[in-house]
Amino acid sequence: MIQKVFKKWFVLSFILALGLSFACNKETSHQSIPDVAVNVQIDPNSTMYLELNTIGGWVYLTGGYRGILVYRLSNEDFVAYDRACPYEPYETAAIITMDASGITCSDLHCGSQFNIVDGSVIKGPSTMPLKQFYTYYDGNILLITN
């Protein structure tokens, strides 16, 4: 009798553990962009960053895990995102690029599309937003950190 209970408990535990391991692998494989220290300072009003001199302008910078995309929202506000796609962050071809519209960005590798204002998903397969960095602008220098 004890052997039957033990066998049932063992089989049930094994099936449950197996199911959880598949669920966890599926969940984490498309959303963890590695943390890389970011501490970038630029002068968005300089001639080096002409694209950022106007609202709606954007540039790519080095830094982060796969590079940084910086976008000027207003005279005082900027957003900055890691260019790694949250769907396949370890895939070297999965890089976020600005779309011709200037209001969305996409990963041409998987087809995911994101809103540039807040990094939210417009079209999948990604279900996670872009990894956003903190920005602080004092009127002269833009600081991008995590």
N, C-alpha and C. Protein backbone atom coordinates (compact mmCIF):
# COMPACT_ATOMS: atom_id res chain seq x y z
N MET A 1 0.82 -1.20 0.00
CA MET A 1 0.00 0.00 0.00
C MET A 1 0.87 1.26 0.00
N ILE A 2 1.89 1.27 0.86
CA ILE A 2 2.77 2.43 0.95
C ILE A 2 3.54 2.60 -0.36
N GLN A 3 3.93 1.48 -1.00
CA GLN A 3 4.64 1.56 -2.26
C GLN A 3 3.77 2.21 -3.34
N LYS A 4 2.48 1.88 -3.40
CA LYS A 4 1.58 2.48 -4.40
C LYS A 4 1.46 3.98 -4.19
N VAL A 5 1.30 4.40 -2.95
CA VAL A 5 1.20 5.83 -2.63
C VAL A 5 2.49 6.54 -3.00
N PHE A 6 3.62 5.91 -2.65
CA PHE A 6 4.92 6.50 -2.95
C PHE A 6 5.12 6.63 -4.46
N LYS A 7 4.75 5.57 -5.23
CA LYS A 7 4.88 5.61 -6.69
C LYS A 7 4.02 6.72 -7.28
N LYS A 8 2.78 6.83 -6.83
CA LYS A 8 1.89 7.88 -7.34
C LYS A 8 2.45 9.26 -7.01
N TRP A 9 2.93 9.43 -5.79
CA TRP A 9 3.48 10.72 -5.37
C TRP A 9 4.72 11.05 -6.21
N PHE A 10 5.58 10.05 -6.43
CA PHE A 10 6.79 10.24 -7.22
C PHE A 10 6.46 10.62 -8.66
N VAL A 11 5.55 9.90 -9.28
CA VAL A 11 5.16 10.18 -10.68
C VAL A 11 4.53 11.57 -10.79
N LEU A 12 3.64 11.90 -9.86
CA LEU A 12 2.99 13.21 -9.87
C LEU A 12 4.02 14.32 -9.68
N SER A 13 4.95 14.14 -8.76
CA SER A 13 6.00 15.14 -8.52
C SER A 13 6.87 15.31 -9.75
N PHE A 14 7.22 14.21 -10.40
CA PHE A 14 8.05 14.27 -11.59
C PHE A 14 7.35 15.02 -12.72
N ILE A 15 6.09 14.72 -12.95
CA ILE A 15 5.32 15.39 -14.00
C ILE A 15 5.20 16.88 -13.70
N LEU A 16 4.92 17.24 -12.46
CA LEU A 16 4.80 18.63 -12.06
C LEU A 16 6.12 19.37 -12.25
N ALA A 17 7.22 18.77 -11.83
CA ALA A 17 8.54 19.40 -11.98
C ALA A 17 8.90 19.56 -13.45
N LEU A 18 8.60 18.57 -14.26
CA LEU A 18 8.87 18.65 -15.68
C LEU A 18 8.06 19.77 -16.33
N GLY A 19 6.79 19.84 -15.99
CA GLY A 19 5.93 20.90 -16.53
C GLY A 19 6.41 22.28 -16.13
N LEU A 20 6.80 22.46 -14.88
CA LEU A 20 7.29 23.76 -14.41
C LEU A 20 8.59 24.14 -15.09
N SER A 21 9.46 23.18 -15.34
CA SER A 21 10.73 23.51 -15.98
C SER A 21 10.51 23.99 -17.42
N PHE A 22 9.57 23.38 -18.14
CA PHE A 22 9.27 23.85 -19.49
C PHE A 22 8.63 25.22 -19.46
N ALA A 23 7.74 25.46 -18.54
CA ALA A 23 7.08 26.76 -18.43
C ALA A 23 8.09 27.84 -18.10
N CYS A 24 9.01 27.57 -17.20
CA CYS A 24 10.00 28.57 -16.82
C CYS A 24 10.95 28.86 -17.97
N ASN A 25 11.39 27.84 -18.69
CA ASN A 25 12.28 28.06 -19.82
C ASN A 25 11.62 28.88 -20.89
N LYS A 26 10.37 28.63 -21.18
CA LYS A 26 9.66 29.38 -22.21
C LYS A 26 9.52 30.84 -21.80
N GLU A 27 9.22 31.07 -20.53
CA GLU A 27 8.99 32.42 -20.04
C GLU A 27 10.25 33.27 -20.04
N THR A 28 11.37 32.69 -19.64
CA THR A 28 12.58 33.50 -19.50
C THR A 28 13.41 33.59 -20.77
N SER A 29 13.18 32.75 -21.74
CA SER A 29 14.04 32.75 -22.91
C SER A 29 13.86 33.96 -23.80
N HIS A 30 12.80 34.73 -23.64
CA HIS A 30 12.56 35.85 -24.53
C HIS A 30 12.42 37.18 -23.80
N GLN A 31 12.96 37.32 -22.61
CA GLN A 31 12.75 38.60 -21.96
C GLN A 31 13.87 39.13 -21.10
N SER A 32 14.92 38.45 -20.91
CA SER A 32 15.94 38.97 -20.01
C SER A 32 17.14 39.52 -20.77
N ILE A 33 17.11 40.82 -21.02
CA ILE A 33 18.24 41.49 -21.63
C ILE A 33 19.28 41.66 -20.53
N PRO A 34 20.51 41.23 -20.77
CA PRO A 34 21.53 41.32 -19.73
C PRO A 34 21.73 42.77 -19.25
N ASP A 35 21.96 42.91 -17.95
CA ASP A 35 22.24 44.22 -17.38
C ASP A 35 23.70 44.58 -17.65
N VAL A 36 23.88 45.74 -18.25
CA VAL A 36 25.21 46.28 -18.52
C VAL A 36 25.21 47.70 -17.96
N ALA A 37 26.27 48.06 -17.26
CA ALA A 37 26.33 49.40 -16.69
C ALA A 37 26.29 50.46 -17.79
N VAL A 38 25.41 51.45 -17.61
CA VAL A 38 25.28 52.54 -18.57
C VAL A 38 25.44 53.86 -17.82
N ASN A 39 26.35 54.69 -18.29
CA ASN A 39 26.57 56.02 -17.74
C ASN A 39 27.12 56.88 -18.87
N VAL A 40 26.22 57.41 -19.70
CA VAL A 40 26.60 58.15 -20.90
C VAL A 40 26.18 59.61 -20.73
N GLN A 41 27.06 60.51 -21.11
CA GLN A 41 26.74 61.94 -21.09
C GLN A 41 27.01 62.51 -22.48
N ILE A 42 26.03 63.22 -23.03
CA ILE A 42 26.21 63.88 -24.33
C ILE A 42 25.61 65.28 -24.27
N ASP A 43 26.03 66.12 -25.18
CA ASP A 43 25.44 67.45 -25.36
C ASP A 43 24.56 67.37 -26.61
N PRO A 44 23.24 67.19 -26.41
CA PRO A 44 22.36 67.02 -27.57
C PRO A 44 22.23 68.26 -28.45
N ASN A 45 22.75 69.39 -27.99
CA ASN A 45 22.70 70.62 -28.78
C ASN A 45 23.95 70.83 -29.62
N SER A 46 24.91 69.94 -29.49
CA SER A 46 26.16 70.09 -30.25
C SER A 46 25.97 69.61 -31.69
N THR A 47 26.92 69.98 -32.52
CA THR A 47 26.86 69.56 -33.93
C THR A 47 27.10 68.06 -34.09
N MET A 48 27.66 67.41 -33.06
CA MET A 48 27.86 65.95 -33.12
C MET A 48 26.54 65.21 -33.14
N TYR A 49 25.51 65.84 -32.58
CA TYR A 49 24.20 65.19 -32.46
C TYR A 49 23.12 66.06 -33.09
N LEU A 50 23.34 66.48 -34.32
CA LEU A 50 22.39 67.35 -35.02
C LEU A 50 20.98 66.78 -35.02
N GLU A 51 20.86 65.46 -35.14
CA GLU A 51 19.54 64.82 -35.18
C GLU A 51 18.75 65.07 -33.90
N LEU A 52 19.44 65.26 -32.78
CA LEU A 52 18.75 65.49 -31.50
C LEU A 52 18.43 66.97 -31.26
N ASN A 53 18.82 67.85 -32.18
CA ASN A 53 18.55 69.27 -32.02
C ASN A 53 17.08 69.61 -32.19
N THR A 54 16.29 68.68 -32.75
CA THR A 54 14.87 68.94 -32.97
C THR A 54 14.02 67.86 -32.30
N ILE A 55 12.81 68.24 -31.94
CA ILE A 55 11.85 67.29 -31.36
C ILE A 55 11.56 66.21 -32.41
N GLY A 56 11.58 64.97 -31.99
CA GLY A 56 11.38 63.85 -32.91
C GLY A 56 12.68 63.32 -33.49
N GLY A 57 13.79 63.97 -33.16
CA GLY A 57 15.08 63.51 -33.64
C GLY A 57 15.59 62.34 -32.82
N TRP A 58 16.44 61.54 -33.40
CA TRP A 58 16.96 60.36 -32.71
C TRP A 58 18.37 60.04 -33.18
N VAL A 59 19.10 59.31 -32.34
CA VAL A 59 20.45 58.85 -32.67
C VAL A 59 20.67 57.48 -32.03
N TYR A 60 21.65 56.77 -32.60
CA TYR A 60 22.14 55.54 -32.00
C TYR A 60 23.46 55.88 -31.30
N LEU A 61 23.63 55.37 -30.09
CA LEU A 61 24.87 55.55 -29.35
C LEU A 61 25.44 54.19 -29.00
N THR A 62 26.74 54.14 -28.74
CA THR A 62 27.33 52.92 -28.22
C THR A 62 27.01 52.85 -26.73
N GLY A 63 26.99 51.66 -26.19
CA GLY A 63 26.69 51.46 -24.78
C GLY A 63 25.55 50.47 -24.63
N GLY A 64 25.19 50.19 -23.40
CA GLY A 64 24.14 49.21 -23.15
C GLY A 64 24.60 47.83 -23.59
N TYR A 65 23.63 46.96 -23.84
CA TYR A 65 23.95 45.60 -24.27
C TYR A 65 24.18 45.52 -25.77
N ARG A 66 23.30 46.13 -26.54
CA ARG A 66 23.41 46.12 -28.01
C ARG A 66 23.42 47.52 -28.61
N GLY A 67 23.71 48.52 -27.81
CA GLY A 67 23.67 49.90 -28.27
C GLY A 67 22.49 50.61 -27.64
N ILE A 68 22.43 51.93 -27.82
CA ILE A 68 21.38 52.75 -27.21
C ILE A 68 20.70 53.56 -28.31
N LEU A 69 19.39 53.61 -28.25
CA LEU A 69 18.58 54.46 -29.13
C LEU A 69 18.06 55.62 -28.28
N VAL A 70 18.41 56.85 -28.66
CA VAL A 70 17.96 58.04 -27.93
C VAL A 70 17.00 58.81 -28.82
N TYR A 71 15.89 59.26 -28.25
CA TYR A 71 14.84 59.97 -28.98
C TYR A 71 14.45 61.22 -28.20
N ARG A 72 14.31 62.36 -28.89
CA ARG A 72 13.92 63.61 -28.24
C ARG A 72 12.41 63.75 -28.30
N LEU A 73 11.76 63.70 -27.13
CA LEU A 73 10.30 63.83 -27.02
C LEU A 73 9.83 65.28 -27.06
N SER A 74 10.58 66.16 -26.41
CA SER A 74 10.23 67.59 -26.33
C SER A 74 11.52 68.37 -26.12
N ASN A 75 11.41 69.67 -25.91
CA ASN A 75 12.62 70.47 -25.67
C ASN A 75 13.38 70.00 -24.43
N GLU A 76 12.64 69.48 -23.44
CA GLU A 76 13.25 69.08 -22.18
C GLU A 76 13.34 67.57 -21.95
N ASP A 77 12.64 66.77 -22.73
CA ASP A 77 12.52 65.33 -22.44
C ASP A 77 13.09 64.45 -23.54
N PHE A 78 13.82 63.43 -23.08
CA PHE A 78 14.40 62.42 -23.95
C PHE A 78 14.04 61.04 -23.41
N VAL A 79 14.03 60.04 -24.28
CA VAL A 79 13.93 58.64 -23.86
C VAL A 79 15.13 57.91 -24.46
N ALA A 80 15.57 56.86 -23.77
CA ALA A 80 16.70 56.06 -24.25
C ALA A 80 16.40 54.59 -23.98
N TYR A 81 16.65 53.76 -24.99
CA TYR A 81 16.36 52.33 -24.90
C TYR A 81 17.58 51.52 -25.34
N ASP A 82 17.70 50.32 -24.78
CA ASP A 82 18.69 49.38 -25.29
C ASP A 82 18.20 48.90 -26.64
N ARG A 83 19.09 48.73 -27.59
CA ARG A 83 18.70 48.30 -28.93
C ARG A 83 18.48 46.80 -29.05
N ALA A 84 18.72 46.04 -28.00
CA ALA A 84 18.46 44.60 -28.02
C ALA A 84 16.95 44.37 -28.00
N CYS A 85 16.48 43.52 -28.88
CA CYS A 85 15.05 43.19 -28.89
C CYS A 85 14.73 42.30 -27.69
N PRO A 86 13.70 42.64 -26.91
CA PRO A 86 13.37 41.81 -25.75
C PRO A 86 12.87 40.42 -26.10
N TYR A 87 12.50 40.19 -27.35
CA TYR A 87 12.03 38.87 -27.75
C TYR A 87 13.18 37.87 -27.86
N GLU A 88 14.28 38.29 -28.47
CA GLU A 88 15.44 37.42 -28.63
C GLU A 88 16.72 38.21 -28.32
N PRO A 89 16.94 38.56 -27.06
CA PRO A 89 18.06 39.44 -26.73
C PRO A 89 19.43 38.85 -27.03
N TYR A 90 19.55 37.54 -27.11
CA TYR A 90 20.85 36.93 -27.35
C TYR A 90 21.12 36.70 -28.84
N GLU A 91 20.16 36.98 -29.68
CA GLU A 91 20.31 36.85 -31.13
C GLU A 91 21.00 38.12 -31.65
N THR A 92 22.17 37.97 -32.26
CA THR A 92 22.93 39.15 -32.70
C THR A 92 22.21 39.96 -33.77
N ALA A 93 21.34 39.34 -34.55
CA ALA A 93 20.61 40.05 -35.59
C ALA A 93 19.37 40.78 -35.06
N ALA A 94 19.03 40.55 -33.80
CA ALA A 94 17.81 41.13 -33.20
C ALA A 94 18.12 42.51 -32.64
N ILE A 95 18.21 43.49 -33.52
CA ILE A 95 18.57 44.86 -33.16
C ILE A 95 17.41 45.80 -33.49
N ILE A 96 17.10 46.69 -32.57
CA ILE A 96 16.04 47.67 -32.76
C ILE A 96 16.54 48.81 -33.64
N THR A 97 15.75 49.15 -34.65
CA THR A 97 16.06 50.28 -35.53
C THR A 97 14.84 51.18 -35.65
N MET A 98 15.08 52.47 -35.85
CA MET A 98 13.98 53.41 -36.02
C MET A 98 13.30 53.16 -37.36
N ASP A 99 11.98 53.30 -37.37
CA ASP A 99 11.20 53.17 -38.60
C ASP A 99 11.15 54.52 -39.30
N ALA A 100 10.84 54.50 -40.58
CA ALA A 100 10.75 55.73 -41.37
C ALA A 100 9.70 56.69 -40.82
N SER A 101 8.69 56.17 -40.12
CA SER A 101 7.63 57.01 -39.56
C SER A 101 8.17 57.96 -38.50
N GLY A 102 9.25 57.57 -37.83
CA GLY A 102 9.80 58.39 -36.76
C GLY A 102 9.04 58.28 -35.44
N ILE A 103 8.01 57.44 -35.39
CA ILE A 103 7.24 57.28 -34.14
C ILE A 103 7.24 55.83 -33.65
N THR A 104 7.81 54.93 -34.43
CA THR A 104 7.93 53.54 -34.02
C THR A 104 9.34 53.05 -34.33
N CYS A 105 9.71 51.96 -33.68
CA CYS A 105 10.97 51.29 -33.97
C CYS A 105 10.69 49.80 -34.01
N SER A 106 11.54 49.08 -34.71
CA SER A 106 11.27 47.67 -34.96
C SER A 106 12.53 46.82 -34.91
N ASP A 107 12.31 45.53 -34.72
CA ASP A 107 13.34 44.53 -34.90
C ASP A 107 12.97 43.80 -36.19
N LEU A 108 13.73 44.02 -37.23
CA LEU A 108 13.43 43.41 -38.53
C LEU A 108 13.65 41.90 -38.51
N HIS A 109 14.41 41.41 -37.53
CA HIS A 109 14.68 39.96 -37.44
C HIS A 109 13.41 39.19 -37.05
N CYS A 110 12.72 39.63 -36.00
CA CYS A 110 11.52 38.90 -35.56
C CYS A 110 10.22 39.59 -35.96
N GLY A 111 10.29 40.87 -36.35
CA GLY A 111 9.10 41.59 -36.78
C GLY A 111 8.40 42.36 -35.67
N SER A 112 8.94 42.37 -34.47
CA SER A 112 8.31 43.12 -33.38
C SER A 112 8.43 44.62 -33.63
N GLN A 113 7.40 45.35 -33.23
CA GLN A 113 7.38 46.80 -33.41
C GLN A 113 7.02 47.46 -32.07
N PHE A 114 7.65 48.60 -31.79
CA PHE A 114 7.51 49.26 -30.49
C PHE A 114 7.20 50.74 -30.66
N ASN A 115 6.48 51.30 -29.68
CA ASN A 115 6.18 52.72 -29.62
C ASN A 115 7.43 53.43 -29.09
N ILE A 116 7.91 54.46 -29.78
CA ILE A 116 9.13 55.13 -29.37
C ILE A 116 8.92 55.98 -28.11
N VAL A 117 7.70 56.41 -27.84
CA VAL A 117 7.44 57.28 -26.69
C VAL A 117 7.63 56.55 -25.36
N ASP A 118 7.14 55.30 -25.28
CA ASP A 118 7.23 54.58 -24.01
C ASP A 118 7.83 53.17 -24.13
N GLY A 119 8.21 52.75 -25.33
CA GLY A 119 8.82 51.45 -25.52
C GLY A 119 7.86 50.28 -25.53
N SER A 120 6.55 50.55 -25.46
CA SER A 120 5.56 49.48 -25.41
C SER A 120 5.46 48.75 -26.75
N VAL A 121 4.98 47.51 -26.68
CA VAL A 121 4.85 46.66 -27.86
C VAL A 121 3.63 47.10 -28.67
N ILE A 122 3.81 47.31 -29.95
CA ILE A 122 2.72 47.58 -30.88
C ILE A 122 2.33 46.30 -31.59
N LYS A 123 3.37 45.54 -31.99
CA LYS A 123 3.14 44.29 -32.71
C LYS A 123 4.20 43.29 -32.29
N GLY A 124 3.78 42.05 -32.01
CA GLY A 124 4.69 41.01 -31.55
C GLY A 124 5.38 40.31 -32.68
N PRO A 125 6.15 39.31 -32.33
CA PRO A 125 5.95 38.36 -31.26
C PRO A 125 6.40 38.80 -29.86
N SER A 126 7.18 39.86 -29.74
CA SER A 126 7.60 40.28 -28.40
C SER A 126 6.38 40.65 -27.56
N THR A 127 6.41 40.25 -26.31
CA THR A 127 5.37 40.64 -25.37
C THR A 127 5.92 41.59 -24.32
N MET A 128 7.22 41.82 -24.35
CA MET A 128 7.89 42.68 -23.38
C MET A 128 8.27 44.00 -24.05
N PRO A 129 8.18 45.12 -23.30
CA PRO A 129 8.59 46.41 -23.86
C PRO A 129 10.10 46.51 -23.99
N LEU A 130 10.56 47.55 -24.66
CA LEU A 130 11.98 47.80 -24.76
C LEU A 130 12.57 48.09 -23.39
N LYS A 131 13.83 47.74 -23.21
CA LYS A 131 14.52 48.05 -21.96
C LYS A 131 14.88 49.53 -21.97
N GLN A 132 14.33 50.27 -21.02
CA GLN A 132 14.50 51.72 -21.00
C GLN A 132 15.55 52.12 -19.96
N PHE A 133 16.32 53.15 -20.31
CA PHE A 133 17.30 53.72 -19.39
C PHE A 133 16.74 55.03 -18.83
N TYR A 134 17.30 55.45 -17.70
CA TYR A 134 16.92 56.74 -17.11
C TYR A 134 17.61 57.85 -17.88
N THR A 135 16.90 58.95 -18.08
CA THR A 135 17.49 60.12 -18.72
C THR A 135 17.27 61.34 -17.84
N TYR A 136 18.28 62.21 -17.80
CA TYR A 136 18.18 63.48 -17.09
C TYR A 136 18.83 64.53 -17.97
N TYR A 137 18.08 65.60 -18.25
CA TYR A 137 18.58 66.68 -19.10
C TYR A 137 18.51 67.99 -18.34
N ASP A 138 19.64 68.67 -18.19
CA ASP A 138 19.70 69.92 -17.44
C ASP A 138 19.67 71.15 -18.34
N GLY A 139 19.38 70.96 -19.62
CA GLY A 139 19.38 72.06 -20.57
C GLY A 139 20.64 72.11 -21.39
N ASN A 140 21.69 71.44 -20.92
CA ASN A 140 22.97 71.40 -21.64
C ASN A 140 23.43 69.97 -21.88
N ILE A 141 23.47 69.18 -20.82
CA ILE A 141 23.98 67.81 -20.89
C ILE A 141 22.86 66.81 -20.66
N LEU A 142 22.81 65.78 -21.49
CA LEU A 142 21.86 64.68 -21.33
C LEU A 142 22.63 63.53 -20.68
N LEU A 143 22.14 63.08 -19.53
CA LEU A 143 22.73 61.95 -18.83
C LEU A 143 21.83 60.73 -19.02
N ILE A 144 22.42 59.63 -19.44
CA ILE A 144 21.70 58.36 -19.66
C ILE A 144 22.34 57.32 -18.73
N THR A 145 21.52 56.77 -17.82
CA THR A 145 22.04 55.80 -16.85
C THR A 145 21.04 54.67 -16.65
N ASN A 146 21.47 53.66 -15.93
CA ASN A 146 20.55 52.61 -15.51
C ASN A 146 20.63 52.41 -14.02
